Structures are given as C-alpha cells and as structure tokens.
Amino acid sequence: MKFLLTGLLTPAVAMAVAGIPGVDVSNWTGDVDWESVSQKGSGFAFIHATEGLDYKSPRFASQFAGASTAGIYRGAYHFAQPHESGGAAQADFFVRNGGRWTPDGKTLPGVLDVEDNPYNSLNKLDHCYGLSQEEMVDWIRDFANRYRAWTRRDVIIYTTTAWWRSCTGDSLEFARNPLWLARWGKSVGELPSAWKKHTFWQSAAKGNHAGGADRFNGTASQLRALAFPPIRYQLAGRAVRRNAYTITITNTGARAATGLSVYGKTFGSNKLVKAPKACRVTATVLRCKLPELAPGKSVKLTVATKVKGAAPVGLRVAVGSAKLTLRG
C-alpha cells in the first residue's frame, strides 16, 4: 500500500459479504482516535511496523497499543522490498520490530505486504522489483517459512490479483496463508488462483475513519479464532513389548496447551503396575494431568502392566477427542 499500509487450485471469484469492518494505518495516517474507530464499528486494525531492512514506523508502538486499549484486534504488517535482501532476513527484521505474534487473545498474525514497486523512480526497477516470477516465489516462501518458524503462525499475504499474476506467475503455493486482497471498489472481484476465498479485503484507501477501509470475511468467533487459535495436538503411541506401552503427545499448535488430561484403560488380562508421577493408576485405569505443553514440544509417558495368560491385551488411550488403541 504505497506509503499508506498503507486454498484450491482454480480461479475463484468472491463477492462482497457482510463480515466485520476494520482499518489499516501507518505513520502517514498520523495520530489515530482509536475510540472513534471502535465506535464506528471497526473490529480490527492492521498497523505498519516495518519496511525492507531499515525502516521502522515511528508511530507503530503507539498505534498498536491504542488499538488494543480500544478493544480492537490488532496486527502488524511488513512492506516487502524484495530487491534489498532475502525474504528470511526481512522476516527477522519484522518479527524483531513489532511483527511477532503473541497468544494474548487480541493479536492477529503478521502480514506480508507484497505489491507494485512504489519506488521505481528511485530504484529504477520494474513493478516486480527486478525479480523473475520464480525468484519472487522463492522470496515469499523464504519470508513465510521464517515467519512460521518464529511464531508457528502462517503469515497473512496482502496483494492484488494483477500483481500476483504478473510477479509470481499466479503461484499456487501459498493457499494455506490467509489472503488479504486489495481491490478498491464495491466487490472483491477475481482472486489469485491459489485461494478459494479471501480472509480480508481492502476496499478503499480511505474509509469513514482513520486509514484504509477493510473487511474480515467471517464471523466474530472466526476473527477471534484467527487471533487466538484452538489448542492442537497429536496423539501417538506404541506397544514396546507385551507389558509396556509409550504414549506421546505433541503440541502442534501455536500456543501452549494447559491442563491436558490423559485417560487410559487396559483390556484383556492386563493390569497397570507403573506410570509416571503425573499419573494416577488403579488396576485398569490410567489418569494423567499435564500442566503445560509448549508449542512444538512433546511429552512421552511410559506405562508398565502385569499380564496374565496368552489372551490379547492392550491399552486404550484418550486425550480430549483423540483416541488410540495400543495392542500388546
């Protein structure tokens, strides 16, 4: 957004929906009356944090805090300068200067703003910053992968359909990243081919409030889930031998899992005799309470049983809705 902010694999056309209105602001917006923005119905704001490898918005901190105080979901965005450095380096700069996602329930994932080169009279490059389509896709991939490594969230991509087609060859690679489409007018229009639908839409450079006019394509609960995603985990296990089992729980989400309960029950002539300190056992029932499991971390529980006879034995395990049957 020049100085202002400002998945399936077939072409899709999306029409305007009610959604939730929002704003995007930058240093050029000036001081923002966030209470007024909130009172006029905006539920979220995107705020310019960084650009390239050397620009940090002097108003970012105050704008970001002001949106939060007014009860508005807020997110930061980075204006890409793909000719200046690699994508990973710019993702690092963004995260270290305001773009880090935090699981506080009010921060949206960060945004990568990739669009027409607004400085062509200075840098003498074309609208794709002098990069080929393949080089641009590589650059965006490096930025997106590094941002996910930092935050375990998928960066939101802000772009226009025309630029995406011209500068990435209408790449299909980033369908998992939420799309914030810029198209000023009364409808969203045609989307880049990677996306079946948009998540955000910038419909005008100026709304009835500070900054640009934007809209979230979803409900209030969906917007909250984007800011504060549900706990996600994987449950796995194996029978080490006929009288011993391991249960592995991995946090695959972006925020810490707290208070996870593990329930297990033996079957066959199979009685529990040993379990970790976090667990309680009776003859046939296992109950464990895990106080906290950080994102990307795993915990392994090993339990031992006493087996009688040659009949089939095993252990059934449940963590929330995830269930597993281990046969000895």
Protein backbone atom coordinates (compact mmCIF):
# COMPACT_ATOMS: atom_id res chain seq x y z
CA MET A 1 0.00 0.00 0.00
CA LYS A 2 2.03 2.75 -1.31
CA PHE A 3 3.01 4.85 1.68
CA LEU A 4 -0.39 4.03 3.29
CA LEU A 5 -0.43 0.47 4.68
CA THR A 6 -0.78 1.68 3.76
CA GLY A 7 -6.75 -22.98 -0.52
CA LEU A 8 -7.85 -24.60 -4.02
CA LEU A 9 -6.08 -24.52 -7.36
CA THR A 10 -8.63 -22.96 -9.74
CA PRO A 11 -9.50 -19.30 -10.38
CA ALA A 12 -12.20 -18.12 -7.99
CA VAL A 13 -14.50 -15.13 -7.90
CA ALA A 14 -15.63 -13.92 -4.47
CA MET A 15 -18.44 -11.48 -3.83
CA ALA A 16 -18.59 -8.97 -1.03
CA VAL A 17 -20.00 -10.25 2.23
CA ALA A 18 -21.13 -8.56 5.41
CA GLY A 19 -18.16 -9.59 7.55
CA ILE A 20 -16.53 -7.30 10.11
CA PRO A 21 -15.16 -3.86 9.18
CA GLY A 22 -11.63 -2.80 10.06
CA VAL A 23 -8.85 -0.34 9.27
CA ASP A 24 -5.23 -0.23 8.21
CA VAL A 25 -2.94 2.60 9.29
CA SER A 26 0.66 3.71 9.00
CA ASN A 27 2.90 6.56 10.06
CA TRP A 28 1.31 8.58 7.22
CA THR A 29 -2.10 8.27 8.93
CA GLY A 30 -0.87 10.30 11.88
CA ASP A 31 -2.30 10.05 15.37
CA VAL A 32 -5.42 7.87 15.49
CA ASP A 33 -8.53 8.38 17.63
CA TRP A 34 -8.98 4.71 18.37
CA GLU A 35 -12.11 5.15 20.46
CA SER A 36 -13.75 6.79 17.46
CA VAL A 37 -12.56 3.97 15.20
CA SER A 38 -14.08 1.43 17.59
CA GLN A 39 -17.34 3.36 17.96
CA LYS A 40 -17.75 3.44 14.17
CA GLY A 41 -17.79 -0.36 14.15
CA SER A 42 -14.24 -1.42 13.33
CA GLY A 43 -13.29 -4.72 14.93
CA PHE A 44 -9.66 -4.96 13.86
CA ALA A 45 -6.70 -2.92 12.66
CA PHE A 46 -3.53 -3.64 10.74
CA ILE A 47 -0.62 -1.33 11.56
CA HIS A 48 2.51 -0.68 9.54
CA ALA A 49 5.56 -1.81 11.50
CA THR A 50 8.49 -2.24 9.11
CA GLU A 51 9.72 -1.99 5.55
CA GLY A 52 12.70 -3.65 3.93
CA LEU A 53 15.59 -3.99 6.37
CA ASP A 54 15.90 -0.45 7.70
CA TYR A 55 12.52 1.23 8.16
CA LYS A 56 10.57 1.12 11.43
CA SER A 57 7.39 3.18 11.68
CA PRO A 58 7.84 5.78 14.43
CA ARG A 59 4.11 5.60 15.24
CA PHE A 60 3.83 1.81 15.33
CA ALA A 61 4.10 1.34 19.10
CA SER A 62 1.50 4.00 19.95
CA GLN A 63 -0.90 2.88 17.21
CA PHE A 64 -0.57 -0.78 18.16
CA ALA A 65 -1.19 -0.04 21.85
CA GLY A 66 -4.03 2.35 21.07
CA ALA A 67 -5.93 -0.27 19.06
CA SER A 68 -5.60 -2.72 21.93
CA THR A 69 -6.81 -0.21 24.50
CA ALA A 70 -9.89 0.44 22.37
CA GLY A 71 -10.68 -3.28 22.36
CA ILE A 72 -9.79 -3.85 18.71
CA TYR A 73 -7.89 -6.88 17.41
CA ARG A 74 -4.59 -5.65 16.04
CA GLY A 75 -1.93 -7.00 13.71
CA ALA A 76 1.34 -5.67 12.28
CA TYR A 77 2.40 -5.60 8.64
CA HIS A 78 5.70 -5.52 6.77
CA PHE A 79 6.06 -3.76 3.41
CA ALA A 80 8.28 -6.02 1.30
CA GLN A 81 11.34 -4.73 -0.55
CA PRO A 82 12.36 -7.97 -2.28
CA HIS A 83 15.31 -6.41 -4.11
CA GLU A 84 17.05 -5.31 -0.89
CA SER A 85 17.64 -8.66 0.82
CA GLY A 86 16.38 -12.22 1.14
CA GLY A 87 12.90 -12.91 2.48
CA ALA A 88 14.13 -14.60 5.66
CA ALA A 89 16.18 -11.55 6.64
CA GLN A 90 13.18 -9.26 6.24
CA ALA A 91 11.01 -11.67 8.26
CA ASP A 92 13.61 -11.50 11.04
CA PHE A 93 13.56 -7.70 10.92
CA PHE A 94 9.76 -7.67 11.02
CA VAL A 95 9.45 -10.06 13.97
CA ARG A 96 12.10 -8.21 15.98
CA ASN A 97 10.38 -4.87 15.45
CA GLY A 98 6.72 -5.48 16.20
CA GLY A 99 5.65 -8.32 13.93
CA ARG A 100 5.86 -11.19 16.41
CA TRP A 101 2.54 -12.90 17.07
CA THR A 102 1.70 -13.39 20.74
CA PRO A 103 -1.06 -15.61 22.20
CA ASP A 104 -2.72 -12.79 24.16
CA GLY A 105 -6.11 -13.21 22.51
CA LYS A 106 -6.00 -9.85 20.72
CA THR A 107 -3.06 -10.05 18.30
CA LEU A 108 -3.61 -11.19 14.71
CA PRO A 109 -0.89 -12.96 12.70
CA GLY A 110 1.52 -10.64 10.92
CA VAL A 111 1.09 -9.52 7.32
CA LEU A 112 3.48 -9.63 4.38
CA ASP A 113 2.54 -6.75 2.05
CA VAL A 114 3.73 -7.60 -1.49
CA GLU A 115 2.58 -5.32 -4.30
CA ASP A 116 3.69 -2.96 -7.07
CA ASN A 117 7.07 -1.31 -6.57
CA PRO A 118 6.21 2.23 -5.41
CA TYR A 119 9.80 3.45 -5.60
CA ASN A 120 10.53 2.72 -9.27
CA SER A 121 11.61 6.29 -9.91
CA LEU A 122 14.29 5.84 -7.25
CA ASN A 123 15.40 2.23 -7.61
CA LYS A 124 14.86 2.10 -11.42
CA LEU A 125 13.27 -1.36 -11.13
CA ASP A 126 10.04 -2.67 -12.63
CA HIS A 127 6.85 -3.36 -10.68
CA CYS A 128 8.24 -6.78 -9.68
CA TYR A 129 11.39 -5.21 -8.16
CA GLY A 130 13.57 -6.72 -10.87
CA LEU A 131 12.85 -10.31 -9.78
CA SER A 132 11.68 -13.09 -12.06
CA GLN A 133 8.48 -14.94 -11.17
CA GLU A 134 10.49 -17.87 -9.83
CA GLU A 135 12.71 -15.58 -7.77
CA MET A 136 9.67 -13.79 -6.33
CA VAL A 137 8.03 -17.07 -5.29
CA ASP A 138 11.29 -18.14 -3.64
CA TRP A 139 11.48 -14.79 -1.81
CA ILE A 140 7.91 -15.04 -0.49
CA ARG A 141 8.47 -18.66 0.52
CA ASP A 142 11.60 -17.72 2.49
CA PHE A 143 9.72 -14.94 4.30
CA ALA A 144 6.69 -17.14 5.06
CA ASN A 145 8.79 -20.07 6.29
CA ARG A 146 10.91 -17.88 8.57
CA TYR A 147 7.83 -16.14 9.99
CA ARG A 148 6.26 -19.51 10.74
CA ALA A 149 9.50 -20.70 12.37
CA TRP A 150 9.38 -17.66 14.67
CA THR A 151 5.66 -17.73 15.51
CA ARG A 152 4.16 -21.09 14.40
CA ARG A 153 1.57 -18.98 12.53
CA ASP A 154 1.06 -18.56 8.80
CA VAL A 155 1.75 -15.01 7.72
CA ILE A 156 -1.18 -13.20 6.06
CA ILE A 157 -0.41 -12.19 2.47
CA TYR A 158 -1.61 -8.77 1.26
CA THR A 159 -1.56 -8.35 -2.50
CA THR A 160 -3.58 -7.58 -5.62
CA THR A 161 -4.68 -10.21 -8.13
CA ALA A 162 -2.98 -8.38 -11.00
CA TRP A 163 0.37 -8.11 -9.21
CA TRP A 164 0.26 -11.72 -8.01
CA ARG A 165 -0.37 -13.00 -11.52
CA SER A 166 2.29 -10.81 -13.07
CA CYS A 167 5.07 -11.19 -10.49
CA THR A 168 4.55 -14.77 -9.20
CA GLY A 169 3.02 -16.33 -12.32
CA ASP A 170 -0.21 -16.77 -10.30
CA SER A 171 1.62 -19.11 -7.92
CA LEU A 172 -0.49 -21.80 -6.27
CA GLU A 173 1.97 -22.38 -3.46
CA PHE A 174 0.59 -20.22 -0.65
CA ALA A 175 -3.01 -21.41 -0.37
CA ARG A 176 -2.59 -22.12 3.37
CA ASN A 177 -1.74 -18.47 4.07
CA PRO A 178 -4.72 -16.18 4.73
CA LEU A 179 -5.28 -13.78 1.83
CA TRP A 180 -5.81 -10.05 2.34
CA LEU A 181 -6.85 -8.84 -1.09
CA ALA A 182 -6.53 -5.21 -2.15
CA ARG A 183 -9.18 -4.19 -4.65
CA TRP A 184 -10.75 -0.78 -4.35
CA GLY A 185 -14.39 -0.89 -5.34
CA LYS A 186 -17.72 -2.44 -4.42
CA SER A 187 -16.80 -6.11 -4.81
CA VAL A 188 -13.78 -8.30 -4.19
CA GLY A 189 -13.60 -9.47 -7.77
CA GLU A 190 -11.43 -12.31 -9.05
CA LEU A 191 -8.93 -13.85 -6.66
CA PRO A 192 -5.46 -15.25 -7.36
CA SER A 193 -5.79 -18.92 -8.31
CA ALA A 194 -4.29 -20.30 -5.08
CA TRP A 195 -7.19 -19.08 -2.96
CA LYS A 196 -10.79 -20.22 -2.94
CA LYS A 197 -11.75 -17.30 -0.72
CA HIS A 198 -10.23 -14.20 0.82
CA THR A 199 -9.83 -13.62 4.56
CA PHE A 200 -9.54 -9.81 4.47
CA TRP A 201 -10.43 -7.27 1.80
CA GLN A 202 -9.16 -3.71 1.46
CA SER A 203 -11.94 -1.96 -0.46
CA ALA A 204 -10.72 1.65 -0.30
CA ALA A 205 -7.65 3.72 0.58
CA LYS A 206 -9.79 5.81 2.94
CA GLY A 207 -12.81 4.79 4.96
CA ASN A 208 -15.14 6.71 7.24
CA HIS A 209 -12.41 6.70 9.86
CA ALA A 210 -8.63 6.81 10.06
CA GLY A 211 -6.78 4.76 7.47
CA GLY A 212 -7.95 2.38 4.79
CA ALA A 213 -11.30 0.58 4.62
CA ASP A 214 -11.06 -3.16 5.26
CA ARG A 215 -13.36 -6.08 5.98
CA PHE A 216 -12.91 -9.50 7.55
CA ASN A 217 -14.66 -12.25 5.60
CA GLY A 218 -16.15 -14.13 8.53
CA THR A 219 -17.85 -14.02 11.89
CA ALA A 220 -16.75 -12.55 15.22
CA SER A 221 -15.89 -16.03 16.52
CA GLN A 222 -13.79 -16.74 13.41
CA LEU A 223 -11.90 -13.48 13.85
CA ARG A 224 -11.22 -14.39 17.47
CA ALA A 225 -10.01 -17.83 16.40
CA LEU A 226 -7.56 -16.19 13.98
CA ALA A 227 -6.15 -14.15 16.86
CA PHE A 228 -6.36 -16.96 19.42
CA PRO A 229 -6.29 -20.34 17.62
CA PRO A 230 -7.51 -23.50 19.33
CA ILE A 231 -5.12 -25.89 21.02
CA ARG A 232 -3.86 -28.52 18.56
CA TYR A 233 -2.04 -31.70 19.44
CA GLN A 234 -1.22 -35.14 18.08
CA LEU A 235 -1.52 -38.40 19.99
CA ALA A 236 0.71 -41.36 19.13
CA GLY A 237 1.94 -44.46 20.89
CA ARG A 238 3.20 -48.00 20.59
CA ALA A 239 3.50 -51.23 22.47
CA VAL A 240 7.17 -51.55 23.41
CA ARG A 241 6.51 -55.14 24.39
CA ARG A 242 3.55 -57.10 25.65
CA ASN A 243 3.63 -55.44 29.07
CA ALA A 244 4.86 -51.91 28.33
CA TYR A 245 3.47 -49.00 26.28
CA THR A 246 4.58 -45.49 25.35
CA ILE A 247 2.18 -42.62 24.75
CA THR A 248 3.47 -39.48 23.00
CA ILE A 249 1.55 -36.19 22.96
CA THR A 250 2.85 -33.40 20.71
CA ASN A 251 1.65 -29.79 20.72
CA THR A 252 1.27 -28.98 17.00
CA GLY A 253 -0.42 -25.62 17.57
CA ALA A 254 0.79 -22.07 18.08
CA ARG A 255 0.06 -21.65 21.78
CA ALA A 256 0.73 -23.60 24.96
CA ALA A 257 -1.60 -26.45 25.84
CA THR A 258 -2.52 -26.33 29.52
CA GLY A 259 -4.37 -28.83 31.66
CA LEU A 260 -4.32 -31.72 29.17
CA SER A 261 -5.96 -34.83 30.62
CA VAL A 262 -4.88 -38.30 29.57
CA TYR A 263 -7.21 -41.25 30.15
CA GLY A 264 -6.28 -44.86 29.58
CA LYS A 265 -7.88 -48.23 30.24
CA THR A 266 -6.38 -51.68 29.82
CA PHE A 267 -8.16 -54.58 28.15
CA GLY A 268 -7.55 -58.32 28.36
CA SER A 269 -5.79 -59.84 31.35
CA ASN A 270 -3.66 -56.77 31.73
CA LYS A 271 -3.26 -54.66 34.89
CA LEU A 272 -1.35 -51.40 35.33
CA VAL A 273 1.62 -51.55 37.69
CA LYS A 274 3.74 -48.47 36.84
CA ALA A 275 3.20 -44.96 35.42
CA PRO A 276 4.91 -41.51 35.52
CA LYS A 277 4.49 -39.21 38.53
CA ALA A 278 1.96 -37.07 36.66
CA CYS A 279 -0.39 -40.06 36.53
CA ARG A 280 -2.63 -41.98 38.89
CA VAL A 281 -3.45 -45.64 38.30
CA THR A 282 -5.86 -48.24 39.54
CA ALA A 283 -5.71 -51.81 38.38
CA THR A 284 -7.06 -51.00 34.92
CA VAL A 285 -7.40 -47.20 34.64
CA LEU A 286 -4.75 -44.57 33.93
CA ARG A 287 -5.35 -40.85 34.57
CA CYS A 288 -2.67 -38.22 33.91
CA LYS A 289 -2.73 -34.42 34.12
CA LEU A 290 -0.20 -32.41 32.12
CA PRO A 291 0.15 -28.85 33.49
CA GLU A 292 1.60 -27.28 30.31
CA LEU A 293 2.95 -28.34 26.95
CA ALA A 294 4.72 -25.63 24.92
CA PRO A 295 4.22 -25.28 21.14
CA GLY A 296 6.31 -27.75 19.20
CA LYS A 297 7.11 -29.81 22.30
CA SER A 298 6.27 -33.43 23.08
CA VAL A 299 5.86 -35.46 26.23
CA LYS A 300 6.28 -39.22 26.37
CA LEU A 301 4.54 -41.33 29.00
CA THR A 302 5.67 -44.91 29.61
CA VAL A 303 3.42 -47.31 31.49
CA ALA A 304 4.00 -50.90 32.51
CA THR A 305 1.47 -53.66 33.06
CA LYS A 306 1.31 -57.13 34.51
CA VAL A 307 0.00 -59.70 32.04
CA LYS A 308 -1.70 -62.99 32.81
CA GLY A 309 -2.20 -65.64 30.19
CA ALA A 310 -1.79 -65.59 26.43
CA ALA A 311 -5.04 -63.79 25.51
CA PRO A 312 -4.80 -60.49 23.58
CA VAL A 313 -4.01 -57.48 25.77
CA GLY A 314 -3.66 -53.76 25.23
CA LEU A 315 -4.36 -50.22 26.31
CA ARG A 316 -6.94 -47.73 25.05
CA VAL A 317 -5.95 -44.06 25.44
CA ALA A 318 -7.86 -40.80 25.02
CA VAL A 319 -6.69 -37.18 25.15
CA GLY A 320 -9.70 -34.96 24.53
CA SER A 321 -11.33 -36.18 21.31
CA ALA A 322 -8.17 -38.01 20.17
CA LYS A 323 -8.26 -41.77 20.77
CA LEU A 324 -5.69 -44.51 20.35
CA THR A 325 -5.67 -48.28 20.80
CA LEU A 326 -2.36 -49.98 21.58
CA ARG A 327 -2.19 -53.77 21.33
CA GLY A 328 0.44 -55.68 23.22
